[in-house]
């Protein structure tokens, strides 16, 4: 955006800072939830894992058109793995976190 000041010199105003997209924000929430997953109770882990899976499924559905068939198959399989891990009596948090981060990184627009 250019404007001419009183001195007749063109002044360039800085570009507006774009807020991060909704996908970025939701994926950041997923990353924050994953960071706290190992310090909560097993019941809390199940609850949080369910929320993480729901967020990732929504983001997958929103990004599906932009993904290749190979990416879609890999993400569907990874989401299934997350569901199975969450359904275990004592889920392996490390396995869940690694898989969920892979999904979040794949879906991240940057």
PDB file of N, CA and C in Angstrom:
ATOM      1  N   UNK A   1       0.832  -1.165   0.000  1.00  0.00           N
ATOM      2  CA  UNK A   1       0.000   0.000   0.000  1.00  0.00           C
ATOM      3  C   UNK A   1       0.880   1.232   0.000  1.00  0.00           C
ATOM      4  N   UNK A   2       0.741   2.021  -1.007  1.00  0.00           N
ATOM      5  CA  UNK A   2       1.529   3.241  -1.104  1.00  0.00           C
ATOM      6  C   UNK A   2       0.662   4.444  -0.801  1.00  0.00           C
ATOM      7  N   UNK A   3       1.275   5.441  -0.218  1.00  0.00           N
ATOM      8  CA  UNK A   3       0.574   6.699   0.011  1.00  0.00           C
ATOM      9  C   UNK A   3       1.576   7.826  -0.163  1.00  0.00           C
ATOM     10  N   UNK A   4       1.117   8.942  -0.610  1.00  0.00           N
ATOM     11  CA  UNK A   4       1.982  10.098  -0.803  1.00  0.00           C
ATOM     12  C   UNK A   4       1.827  10.992   0.421  1.00  0.00           C
ATOM     13  N   UNK A   5       2.932  11.208   1.097  1.00  0.00           N
ATOM     14  CA  UNK A   5       2.913  12.060   2.284  1.00  0.00           C
ATOM     15  C   UNK A   5       2.935  13.529   1.897  1.00  0.00           C
ATOM     16  N   UNK A   6       2.956  14.408   2.893  1.00  0.00           N
ATOM     17  CA  UNK A   6       2.972  15.851   2.652  1.00  0.00           C
ATOM     18  C   UNK A   6       4.222  16.279   1.909  1.00  0.00           C
ATOM     19  N   UNK A   7       5.298  15.552   2.060  1.00  0.00           N
ATOM     20  CA  UNK A   7       6.549  15.917   1.400  1.00  0.00           C
ATOM     21  C   UNK A   7       6.575  15.454  -0.046  1.00  0.00           C
ATOM     22  N   UNK A   8       5.562  14.726  -0.472  1.00  0.00           N
ATOM     23  CA  UNK A   8       5.515  14.255  -1.842  1.00  0.00           C
ATOM     24  C   UNK A   8       6.288  12.976  -2.056  1.00  0.00           C
ATOM     25  N   UNK A   9       6.804  12.405  -1.003  1.00  0.00           N
ATOM     26  CA  UNK A   9       7.574  11.164  -1.106  1.00  0.00           C
ATOM     27  C   UNK A   9       6.638   9.996  -0.835  1.00  0.00           C
ATOM     28  N   UNK A  10       6.753   9.016  -1.669  1.00  0.00           N
ATOM     29  CA  UNK A  10       5.914   7.830  -1.518  1.00  0.00           C
ATOM     30  C   UNK A  10       6.348   7.059  -0.278  1.00  0.00           C
ATOM     31  N   UNK A  11       5.383   6.755   0.551  1.00  0.00           N
ATOM     32  CA  UNK A  11       5.673   5.986   1.752  1.00  0.00           C
ATOM     33  C   UNK A  11       4.988   4.629   1.635  1.00  0.00           C
ATOM     34  N   UNK A  12       5.707   3.600   1.939  1.00  0.00           N
ATOM     35  CA  UNK A  12       5.146   2.250   1.869  1.00  0.00           C
ATOM     36  C   UNK A  12       4.783   1.823   3.280  1.00  0.00           C
ATOM     37  N   UNK A  13       3.525   1.530   3.465  1.00  0.00           N
ATOM     38  CA  UNK A  13       3.106   1.043   4.773  1.00  0.00           C
ATOM     39  C   UNK A  13       3.389  -0.457   4.837  1.00  0.00           C
ATOM     40  N   UNK A  14       3.744  -0.946   6.003  1.00  0.00           N
ATOM     41  CA  UNK A  14       4.080  -2.369   6.121  1.00  0.00           C
ATOM     42  C   UNK A  14       2.862  -3.235   5.806  1.00  0.00           C
ATOM     43  N   UNK A  15       3.152  -4.408   5.270  1.00  0.00           N
ATOM     44  CA  UNK A  15       2.077  -5.358   4.971  1.00  0.00           C
ATOM     45  C   UNK A  15       1.431  -5.797   6.272  1.00  0.00           C
ATOM     46  N   UNK A  16       0.118  -5.941   6.266  1.00  0.00           N
ATOM     47  CA  UNK A  16      -0.542  -6.383   7.497  1.00  0.00           C
ATOM     48  C   UNK A  16      -0.095  -7.802   7.854  1.00  0.00           C
ATOM     49  N   UNK A  17       0.051  -8.016   9.128  1.00  0.00           N
ATOM     50  CA  UNK A  17       0.448  -9.342   9.606  1.00  0.00           C
ATOM     51  C   UNK A  17      -0.767 -10.251   9.518  1.00  0.00           C
ATOM     52  N   UNK A  18      -0.613 -11.353   8.802  1.00  0.00           N
ATOM     53  CA  UNK A  18      -1.724 -12.289   8.659  1.00  0.00           C
ATOM     54  C   UNK A  18      -1.780 -13.204   9.878  1.00  0.00           C
ATOM     55  N   UNK A  19      -2.940 -13.301  10.464  1.00  0.00           N
ATOM     56  CA  UNK A  19      -3.048 -14.236  11.590  1.00  0.00           C
ATOM     57  C   UNK A  19      -2.898 -15.658  11.073  1.00  0.00           C
ATOM     58  N   UNK A  20      -2.384 -16.539  11.891  1.00  0.00           N
ATOM     59  CA  UNK A  20      -2.246 -17.917  11.432  1.00  0.00           C
ATOM     60  C   UNK A  20      -3.607 -18.499  11.070  1.00  0.00           C
ATOM     61  N   UNK A  21      -3.614 -19.372  10.091  1.00  0.00           N
ATOM     62  CA  UNK A  21      -4.857 -19.990   9.658  1.00  0.00           C
ATOM     63  C   UNK A  21      -5.445 -20.883  10.730  1.00  0.00           C
ATOM     64  N   UNK A  22      -6.705 -21.195  10.553  1.00  0.00           N
ATOM     65  CA  UNK A  22      -7.372 -22.056  11.525  1.00  0.00           C
ATOM     66  C   UNK A  22      -6.706 -23.419  11.607  1.00  0.00           C
ATOM     67  N   UNK A  23      -6.268 -23.940  10.463  1.00  0.00           N
ATOM     68  CA  UNK A  23      -5.597 -25.240  10.491  1.00  0.00           C
ATOM     69  C   UNK A  23      -4.336 -25.170  11.334  1.00  0.00           C
ATOM     70  N   UNK A  24      -3.555 -24.104  11.150  1.00  0.00           N
ATOM     71  CA  UNK A  24      -2.347 -23.944  11.964  1.00  0.00           C
ATOM     72  C   UNK A  24      -2.686 -23.911  13.446  1.00  0.00           C
ATOM     73  N   UNK A  25      -3.733 -23.182  13.792  1.00  0.00           N
ATOM     74  CA  UNK A  25      -4.116 -23.067  15.202  1.00  0.00           C
ATOM     75  C   UNK A  25      -4.549 -24.416  15.773  1.00  0.00           C
ATOM     76  N   UNK A  26      -5.376 -25.138  15.012  1.00  0.00           N
ATOM     77  CA  UNK A  26      -5.848 -26.434  15.516  1.00  0.00           C
ATOM     78  C   UNK A  26      -4.705 -27.436  15.621  1.00  0.00           C
ATOM     79  N   UNK A  27      -3.799 -27.422  14.660  1.00  0.00           N
ATOM     80  CA  UNK A  27      -2.665 -28.335  14.735  1.00  0.00           C
ATOM     81  C   UNK A  27      -1.722 -27.953  15.874  1.00  0.00           C
ATOM     82  N   UNK A  28      -1.632 -26.677  16.184  1.00  0.00           N
ATOM     83  CA  UNK A  28      -0.841 -26.256  17.336  1.00  0.00           C
ATOM     84  C   UNK A  28      -1.485 -26.741  18.634  1.00  0.00           C
ATOM     85  N   UNK A  29      -2.811 -26.718  18.699  1.00  0.00           N
ATOM     86  CA  UNK A  29      -3.515 -27.261  19.867  1.00  0.00           C
ATOM     87  C   UNK A  29      -3.196 -28.747  20.007  1.00  0.00           C
ATOM     88  N   UNK A  30      -3.199 -29.469  18.899  1.00  0.00           N
ATOM     89  CA  UNK A  30      -2.857 -30.900  18.929  1.00  0.00           C
ATOM     90  C   UNK A  30      -1.450 -31.081  19.487  1.00  0.00           C
ATOM     91  N   UNK A  31      -0.510 -30.291  19.010  1.00  0.00           N
ATOM     92  CA  UNK A  31       0.879 -30.419  19.486  1.00  0.00           C
ATOM     93  C   UNK A  31       0.987 -30.122  20.987  1.00  0.00           C
ATOM     94  N   UNK A  32       0.249 -29.140  21.460  1.00  0.00           N
ATOM     95  CA  UNK A  32       0.266 -28.824  22.892  1.00  0.00           C
ATOM     96  C   UNK A  32      -0.345 -29.951  23.716  1.00  0.00           C
ATOM     97  N   UNK A  33      -1.428 -30.518  23.233  1.00  0.00           N
ATOM     98  CA  UNK A  33      -2.042 -31.653  23.939  1.00  0.00           C
ATOM     99  C   UNK A  33      -1.093 -32.844  23.975  1.00  0.00           C
ATOM    100  N   UNK A  34      -0.385 -33.073  22.886  1.00  0.00           N
ATOM    101  CA  UNK A  34       0.565 -34.187  22.837  1.00  0.00           C
ATOM    102  C   UNK A  34       1.703 -33.979  23.831  1.00  0.00           C
ATOM    103  N   UNK A  35       2.124 -32.743  24.009  1.00  0.00           N
ATOM    104  CA  UNK A  35       3.230 -32.456  24.922  1.00  0.00           C
ATOM    105  C   UNK A  35       2.877 -32.793  26.369  1.00  0.00           C
ATOM    106  N   UNK A  36       1.593 -32.697  26.715  1.00  0.00           N
ATOM    107  CA  UNK A  36       1.164 -32.950  28.093  1.00  0.00           C
ATOM    108  C   UNK A  36       0.654 -34.366  28.318  1.00  0.00           C
ATOM    109  N   UNK A  37       0.646 -35.176  27.294  1.00  0.00           N
ATOM    110  CA  UNK A  37       0.004 -36.484  27.372  1.00  0.00           C
ATOM    111  C   UNK A  37       0.666 -37.433  28.374  1.00  0.00           C
ATOM    112  N   UNK A  38       1.975 -37.320  28.549  1.00  0.00           N
ATOM    113  CA  UNK A  38       2.664 -38.269  29.427  1.00  0.00           C
ATOM    114  C   UNK A  38       2.604 -37.898  30.907  1.00  0.00           C
ATOM    115  N   UNK A  39       2.025 -36.741  31.248  1.00  0.00           N
ATOM    116  CA  UNK A  39       2.001 -36.337  32.659  1.00  0.00           C
ATOM    117  C   UNK A  39       0.590 -36.380  33.254  1.00  0.00           C
ATOM    118  N   UNK A  40      -0.356 -36.962  32.528  1.00  0.00           N
ATOM    119  CA  UNK A  40      -1.725 -37.035  33.037  1.00  0.00           C
ATOM    120  C   UNK A  40      -2.093 -38.485  33.333  1.00  0.00           C
ATOM    121  N   UNK A  41      -3.188 -38.672  34.029  1.00  0.00           N
ATOM    122  CA  UNK A  41      -3.633 -40.015  34.404  1.00  0.00           C
ATOM    123  C   UNK A  41      -4.044 -40.805  33.164  1.00  0.00           C
ATOM    124  N   UNK A  42      -4.199 -42.100  33.320  1.00  0.00           N
ATOM    125  CA  UNK A  42      -4.606 -42.953  32.204  1.00  0.00           C
ATOM    126  C   UNK A  42      -5.977 -42.538  31.696  1.00  0.00           C
ATOM    127  N   UNK A  43      -6.898 -42.225  32.610  1.00  0.00           N
ATOM    128  CA  UNK A  43      -8.219 -41.761  32.180  1.00  0.00           C
ATOM    129  C   UNK A  43      -8.100 -40.445  31.403  1.00  0.00           C
ATOM    130  N   UNK A  44      -7.241 -39.574  31.878  1.00  0.00           N
ATOM    131  CA  UNK A  44      -6.990 -38.320  31.170  1.00  0.00           C
ATOM    132  C   UNK A  44      -6.354 -38.549  29.813  1.00  0.00           C
ATOM    133  N   UNK A  45      -5.474 -39.556  29.732  1.00  0.00           N
ATOM    134  CA  UNK A  45      -4.864 -39.896  28.448  1.00  0.00           C
ATOM    135  C   UNK A  45      -5.918 -40.345  27.444  1.00  0.00           C
ATOM    136  N   UNK A  46      -6.824 -41.206  27.889  1.00  0.00           N
ATOM    137  CA  UNK A  46      -7.892 -41.671  26.995  1.00  0.00           C
ATOM    138  C   UNK A  46      -8.740 -40.502  26.504  1.00  0.00           C
ATOM    139  N   UNK A  47      -9.114 -39.618  27.402  1.00  0.00           N
ATOM    140  CA  UNK A  47      -9.931 -38.462  27.051  1.00  0.00           C
ATOM    141  C   UNK A  47      -9.192 -37.562  26.058  1.00  0.00           C
ATOM    142  N   UNK A  48      -7.927 -37.239  26.375  1.00  0.00           N
ATOM    143  CA  UNK A  48      -7.136 -36.349  25.531  1.00  0.00           C
ATOM    144  C   UNK A  48      -6.846 -36.989  24.177  1.00  0.00           C
ATOM    145  N   UNK A  49      -6.553 -38.279  24.170  1.00  0.00           N
ATOM    146  CA  UNK A  49      -6.308 -38.976  22.901  1.00  0.00           C
ATOM    147  C   UNK A  49      -7.543 -38.915  22.011  1.00  0.00           C
ATOM    148  N   UNK A  50      -8.713 -39.079  22.608  1.00  0.00           N
ATOM    149  CA  UNK A  50      -9.950 -38.999  21.840  1.00  0.00           C
ATOM    150  C   UNK A  50     -10.104 -37.613  21.215  1.00  0.00           C
ATOM    151  N   UNK A  51      -9.806 -36.573  21.980  1.00  0.00           N
ATOM    152  CA  UNK A  51      -9.897 -35.205  21.459  1.00  0.00           C
ATOM    153  C   UNK A  51      -8.884 -34.979  20.340  1.00  0.00           C
ATOM    154  N   UNK A  52      -7.679 -35.495  20.507  1.00  0.00           N
ATOM    155  CA  UNK A  52      -6.640 -35.352  19.481  1.00  0.00           C
ATOM    156  C   UNK A  52      -7.066 -36.050  18.198  1.00  0.00           C
ATOM    157  N   UNK A  53      -7.583 -37.253  18.319  1.00  0.00           N
ATOM    158  CA  UNK A  53      -8.032 -38.002  17.137  1.00  0.00           C
ATOM    159  C   UNK A  53      -9.137 -37.238  16.421  1.00  0.00           C
ATOM    160  N   UNK A  54     -10.094 -36.701  17.172  1.00  0.00           N
ATOM    161  CA  UNK A  54     -11.179 -35.930  16.553  1.00  0.00           C
ATOM    162  C   UNK A  54     -10.655 -34.705  15.809  1.00  0.00           C
ATOM    163  N   UNK A  55      -9.725 -33.984  16.409  1.00  0.00           N
ATOM    164  CA  UNK A  55      -9.152 -32.816  15.743  1.00  0.00           C
ATOM    165  C   UNK A  55      -8.406 -33.215  14.474  1.00  0.00           C
ATOM    166  N   UNK A  56      -7.619 -34.285  14.549  1.00  0.00           N
ATOM    167  CA  UNK A  56      -6.857 -34.719  13.379  1.00  0.00           C
ATOM    168  C   UNK A  56      -7.776 -35.235  12.275  1.00  0.00           C
ATOM    169  N   UNK A  57      -8.846 -35.921  12.647  1.00  0.00           N
ATOM    170  CA  UNK A  57      -9.798 -36.389  11.630  1.00  0.00           C
ATOM    171  C   UNK A  57     -10.454 -35.216  10.921  1.00  0.00           C
ATOM    172  N   UNK A  58     -10.806 -34.177  11.661  1.00  0.00           N
ATOM    173  CA  UNK A  58     -11.400 -32.984  11.048  1.00  0.00           C
ATOM    174  C   UNK A  58     -10.425 -32.305  10.095  1.00  0.00           C
ATOM    175  N   UNK A  59      -9.181 -32.195  10.529  1.00  0.00           N
ATOM    176  CA  UNK A  59      -8.172 -31.560   9.683  1.00  0.00           C
ATOM    177  C   UNK A  59      -7.884 -32.406   8.440  1.00  0.00           C
ATOM    178  N   UNK A  60      -7.900 -33.714   8.600  1.00  0.00           N
ATOM    179  CA  UNK A  60      -7.714 -34.605   7.454  1.00  0.00           C
ATOM    180  C   UNK A  60      -8.844 -34.402   6.448  1.00  0.00           C
ATOM    181  N   UNK A  61     -10.072 -34.349   6.932  1.00  0.00           N
ATOM    182  CA  UNK A  61     -11.216 -34.160   6.039  1.00  0.00           C
ATOM    183  C   UNK A  61     -11.129 -32.823   5.310  1.00  0.00           C
ATOM    184  N   UNK A  62     -10.677 -31.791   5.999  1.00  0.00           N
ATOM    185  CA  UNK A  62     -10.565 -30.465   5.388  1.00  0.00           C
ATOM    186  C   UNK A  62      -9.457 -30.399   4.344  1.00  0.00           C
ATOM    187  N   UNK A  63      -8.405 -31.181   4.541  1.00  0.00           N
ATOM    188  CA  UNK A  63      -7.247 -31.131   3.644  1.00  0.00           C
ATOM    189  C   UNK A  63      -7.262 -32.219   2.586  1.00  0.00           C
ATOM    190  N   UNK A  64      -8.245 -33.093   2.625  1.00  0.00           N
ATOM    191  CA  UNK A  64      -8.238 -34.294   1.791  1.00  0.00           C
ATOM    192  C   UNK A  64      -8.090 -34.004   0.297  1.00  0.00           C
ATOM    193  N   UNK A  65      -8.728 -32.959  -0.202  1.00  0.00           N
ATOM    194  CA  UNK A  65      -8.662 -32.659  -1.634  1.00  0.00           C
ATOM    195  C   UNK A  65      -7.254 -32.289  -2.089  1.00  0.00           C
ATOM    196  N   UNK A  66      -6.458 -31.736  -1.191  1.00  0.00           N
ATOM    197  CA  UNK A  66      -5.106 -31.302  -1.544  1.00  0.00           C
ATOM    198  C   UNK A  66      -4.061 -32.402  -1.380  1.00  0.00           C
ATOM    199  N   UNK A  67      -4.467 -33.562  -0.906  1.00  0.00           N
ATOM    200  CA  UNK A  67      -3.522 -34.647  -0.639  1.00  0.00           C
ATOM    201  C   UNK A  67      -3.494 -35.650  -1.786  1.00  0.00           C
ATOM    202  N   UNK A  68      -2.342 -36.286  -1.951  1.00  0.00           N
ATOM    203  CA  UNK A  68      -2.227 -37.349  -2.944  1.00  0.00           C
ATOM    204  C   UNK A  68      -2.876 -38.615  -2.403  1.00  0.00           C
ATOM    205  N   UNK A  69      -3.127 -39.570  -3.282  1.00  0.00           N
ATOM    206  CA  UNK A  69      -3.715 -40.844  -2.848  1.00  0.00           C
ATOM    207  C   UNK A  69      -2.816 -41.548  -1.838  1.00  0.00           C
ATOM    208  N   UNK A  70      -1.519 -41.497  -2.056  1.00  0.00           N
ATOM    209  CA  UNK A  70      -0.572 -42.120  -1.134  1.00  0.00           C
ATOM    210  C   UNK A  70      -0.654 -41.477   0.245  1.00  0.00           C
ATOM    211  N   UNK A  71      -0.719 -40.155   0.284  1.00  0.00           N
ATOM    212  CA  UNK A  71      -0.852 -39.454   1.563  1.00  0.00           C
ATOM    213  C   UNK A  71      -2.170 -39.804   2.242  1.00  0.00           C
ATOM    214  N   UNK A  72      -3.243 -39.847   1.473  1.00  0.00           N
ATOM    215  CA  UNK A  72      -4.553 -40.190   2.046  1.00  0.00           C
ATOM    216  C   UNK A  72      -4.536 -41.576   2.671  1.00  0.00           C
ATOM    217  N   UNK A  73      -3.982 -42.557   1.960  1.00  0.00           N
ATOM    218  CA  UNK A  73      -3.920 -43.923   2.500  1.00  0.00           C
ATOM    219  C   UNK A  73      -3.085 -43.975   3.762  1.00  0.00           C
ATOM    220  N   UNK A  74      -1.933 -43.294   3.735  1.00  0.00           N
ATOM    221  CA  UNK A  74      -1.057 -43.281   4.908  1.00  0.00           C
ATOM    222  C   UNK A  74      -1.703 -42.624   6.111  1.00  0.00           C
ATOM    223  N   UNK A  75      -2.408 -41.521   5.865  1.00  0.00           N
ATOM    224  CA  UNK A  75      -3.061 -40.825   6.972  1.00  0.00           C
ATOM    225  C   UNK A  75      -4.244 -41.613   7.517  1.00  0.00           C
ATOM    226  N   UNK A  76      -5.002 -42.255   6.629  1.00  0.00           N
ATOM    227  CA  UNK A  76      -6.120 -43.092   7.113  1.00  0.00           C
ATOM    228  C   UNK A  76      -5.597 -44.227   7.988  1.00  0.00           C
ATOM    229  N   UNK A  77      -4.520 -44.849   7.552  1.00  0.00           N
ATOM    230  CA  UNK A  77      -3.936 -45.945   8.330  1.00  0.00           C
ATOM    231  C   UNK A  77      -3.424 -45.423   9.670  1.00  0.00           C
ATOM    232  N   UNK A  78      -2.749 -44.280   9.652  1.00  0.00           N
ATOM    233  CA  UNK A  78      -2.210 -43.701  10.887  1.00  0.00           C
ATOM    234  C   UNK A  78      -3.333 -43.319  11.852  1.00  0.00           C
ATOM    235  N   UNK A  79      -4.425 -42.757  11.324  1.00  0.00           N
ATOM    236  CA  UNK A  79      -5.566 -42.424  12.178  1.00  0.00           C
ATOM    237  C   UNK A  79      -6.179 -43.689  12.787  1.00  0.00           C
ATOM    238  N   UNK A  80      -6.237 -44.753  12.004  1.00  0.00           N
ATOM    239  CA  UNK A  80      -6.716 -46.038  12.532  1.00  0.00           C
ATOM    240  C   UNK A  80      -5.820 -46.552  13.646  1.00  0.00           C
ATOM    241  N   UNK A  81      -4.497 -46.408  13.452  1.00  0.00           N
ATOM    242  CA  UNK A  81      -3.545 -46.815  14.492  1.00  0.00           C
ATOM    243  C   UNK A  81      -3.765 -46.014  15.774  1.00  0.00           C
ATOM    244  N   UNK A  82      -4.017 -44.713  15.622  1.00  0.00           N
ATOM    245  CA  UNK A  82      -4.273 -43.882  16.807  1.00  0.00           C
ATOM    246  C   UNK A  82      -5.521 -44.360  17.544  1.00  0.00           C
ATOM    247  N   UNK A  83      -6.558 -44.685  16.789  1.00  0.00           N
ATOM    248  CA  UNK A  83      -7.789 -45.174  17.405  1.00  0.00           C
ATOM    249  C   UNK A  83      -7.577 -46.476  18.162  1.00  0.00           C
ATOM    250  N   UNK A  84      -6.800 -47.372  17.573  1.00  0.00           N
ATOM    251  CA  UNK A  84      -6.520 -48.645  18.260  1.00  0.00           C
ATOM    252  C   UNK A  84      -5.696 -48.415  19.524  1.00  0.00           C
ATOM    253  N   UNK A  85      -4.716 -47.530  19.443  1.00  0.00           N
ATOM    254  CA  UNK A  85      -3.886 -47.244  20.618  1.00  0.00           C
ATOM    255  C   UNK A  85      -4.716 -46.601  21.719  1.00  0.00           C
ATOM    256  N   UNK A  86      -5.598 -45.691  21.345  1.00  0.00           N
ATOM    257  CA  UNK A  86      -6.455 -45.019  22.319  1.00  0.00           C
ATOM    258  C   UNK A  86      -7.409 -46.013  22.971  1.00  0.00           C
ATOM    259  N   UNK A  87      -7.818 -47.034  22.250  1.00  0.00           N
ATOM    260  CA  UNK A  87      -8.757 -48.013  22.760  1.00  0.00           C
ATOM    261  C   UNK A  87      -8.139 -49.048  23.697  1.00  0.00           C
ATOM    262  N   UNK A  88      -6.827 -49.096  23.761  1.00  0.00           N
ATOM    263  CA  UNK A  88      -6.165 -50.046  24.661  1.00  0.00           C
ATOM    264  C   UNK A  88      -6.358 -49.633  26.116  1.00  0.00           C
ATOM    265  N   UNK A  89      -6.380 -50.623  26.987  1.00  0.00           N
ATOM    266  CA  UNK A  89      -6.536 -50.352  28.424  1.00  0.00           C
ATOM    267  C   UNK A  89      -5.417 -49.436  28.921  1.00  0.00           C
ATOM    268  N   UNK A  90      -4.176 -49.738  28.555  1.00  0.00           N
ATOM    269  CA  UNK A  90      -3.021 -48.908  28.904  1.00  0.00           C
ATOM    270  C   UNK A  90      -2.316 -48.508  27.605  1.00  0.00           C
ATOM    271  N   UNK A  91      -2.707 -47.394  27.023  1.00  0.00           N
ATOM    272  CA  UNK A  91      -2.132 -47.003  25.745  1.00  0.00           C
ATOM    273  C   UNK A  91      -0.649 -46.654  25.865  1.00  0.00           C
ATOM    274  N   UNK A  92       0.095 -46.934  24.809  1.00  0.00           N
ATOM    275  CA  UNK A  92       1.508 -46.571  24.739  1.00  0.00           C
ATOM    276  C   UNK A  92       1.578 -45.119  24.264  1.00  0.00           C
ATOM    277  N   UNK A  93       1.861 -44.227  25.184  1.00  0.00           N
ATOM    278  CA  UNK A  93       1.841 -42.796  24.893  1.00  0.00           C
ATOM    279  C   UNK A  93       2.883 -42.432  23.836  1.00  0.00           C
ATOM    280  N   UNK A  94       4.061 -43.029  23.908  1.00  0.00           N
ATOM    281  CA  UNK A  94       5.117 -42.697  22.948  1.00  0.00           C
ATOM    282  C   UNK A  94       4.707 -43.044  21.527  1.00  0.00           C
ATOM    283  N   UNK A  95       4.124 -44.209  21.335  1.00  0.00           N
ATOM    284  CA  UNK A  95       3.665 -44.622  20.009  1.00  0.00           C
ATOM    285  C   UNK A  95       2.593 -43.653  19.510  1.00  0.00           C
ATOM    286  N   UNK A  96       1.661 -43.312  20.369  1.00  0.00           N
ATOM    287  CA  UNK A  96       0.577 -42.405  20.005  1.00  0.00           C
ATOM    288  C   UNK A  96       1.138 -41.039  19.608  1.00  0.00           C
ATOM    289  N   UNK A  97       2.049 -40.508  20.393  1.00  0.00           N
ATOM    290  CA  UNK A  97       2.599 -39.176  20.146  1.00  0.00           C
ATOM    291  C   UNK A  97       3.364 -39.141  18.825  1.00  0.00           C
ATOM    292  N   UNK A  98       4.190 -40.142  18.575  1.00  0.00           N
ATOM    293  CA  UNK A  98       4.961 -40.174  17.329  1.00  0.00           C
ATOM    294  C   UNK A  98       4.028 -40.205  16.121  1.00  0.00           C
ATOM    295  N   UNK A  99       3.013 -41.049  16.173  1.00  0.00           N
ATOM    296  CA  UNK A  99       2.083 -41.174  15.050  1.00  0.00           C
ATOM    297  C   UNK A  99       1.262 -39.894  14.875  1.00  0.00           C
ATOM    298  N   UNK A 100       0.791 -39.319  15.969  1.00  0.00           N
ATOM    299  CA  UNK A 100      -0.020 -38.105  15.890  1.00  0.00           C
ATOM    300  C   UNK A 100       0.801 -36.927  15.368  1.00  0.00           C
ATOM    301  N   UNK A 101       2.056 -36.833  15.782  1.00  0.00           N
ATOM    302  CA  UNK A 101       2.914 -35.758  15.269  1.00  0.00           C
ATOM    303  C   UNK A 101       3.151 -35.914  13.770  1.00  0.00           C
ATOM    304  N   UNK A 102       3.319 -37.146  13.318  1.00  0.00           N
ATOM    305  CA  UNK A 102       3.499 -37.390  11.891  1.00  0.00           C
ATOM    306  C   UNK A 102       2.273 -36.912  11.115  1.00  0.00           C
ATOM    307  N   UNK A 103       1.094 -37.199  11.635  1.00  0.00           N
ATOM    308  CA  UNK A 103      -0.143 -36.765  10.978  1.00  0.00           C
ATOM    309  C   UNK A 103      -0.221 -35.242  10.975  1.00  0.00           C
ATOM    310  N   UNK A 104       0.042 -34.616  12.114  1.00  0.00           N
ATOM    311  CA  UNK A 104      -0.019 -33.153  12.210  1.00  0.00           C
ATOM    312  C   UNK A 104       0.989 -32.494  11.265  1.00  0.00           C
ATOM    313  N   UNK A 105       2.186 -33.053  11.186  1.00  0.00           N
ATOM    314  CA  UNK A 105       3.193 -32.498  10.284  1.00  0.00           C
ATOM    315  C   UNK A 105       2.785 -32.643   8.820  1.00  0.00           C
ATOM    316  N   UNK A 106       2.166 -33.750   8.480  1.00  0.00           N
ATOM    317  CA  UNK A 106       1.711 -33.964   7.113  1.00  0.00           C
ATOM    318  C   UNK A 106       0.597 -32.990   6.756  1.00  0.00           C
ATOM    319  N   UNK A 107      -0.289 -32.733   7.695  1.00  0.00           N
ATOM    320  CA  UNK A 107      -1.422 -31.845   7.446  1.00  0.00           C
ATOM    321  C   UNK A 107      -1.074 -30.369   7.554  1.00  0.00           C
ATOM    322  N   UNK A 108       0.076 -30.071   8.137  1.00  0.00           N
ATOM    323  CA  UNK A 108       0.472 -28.676   8.324  1.00  0.00           C
ATOM    324  C   UNK A 108       0.690 -27.997   6.978  1.00  0.00           C
ATOM    325  N   UNK A 109       0.083 -26.832   6.771  1.00  0.00           N
ATOM    326  CA  UNK A 109       0.199 -26.162   5.481  1.00  0.00           C
ATOM    327  C   UNK A 109       1.589 -25.587   5.205  1.00  0.00           C
ATOM    328  N   UNK A 110       2.432 -25.467   6.214  1.00  0.00           N
ATOM    329  CA  UNK A 110       3.761 -24.917   5.993  1.00  0.00           C
ATOM    330  C   UNK A 110       4.803 -25.992   5.880  1.00  0.00           C
TER     331      UNK A 110
END
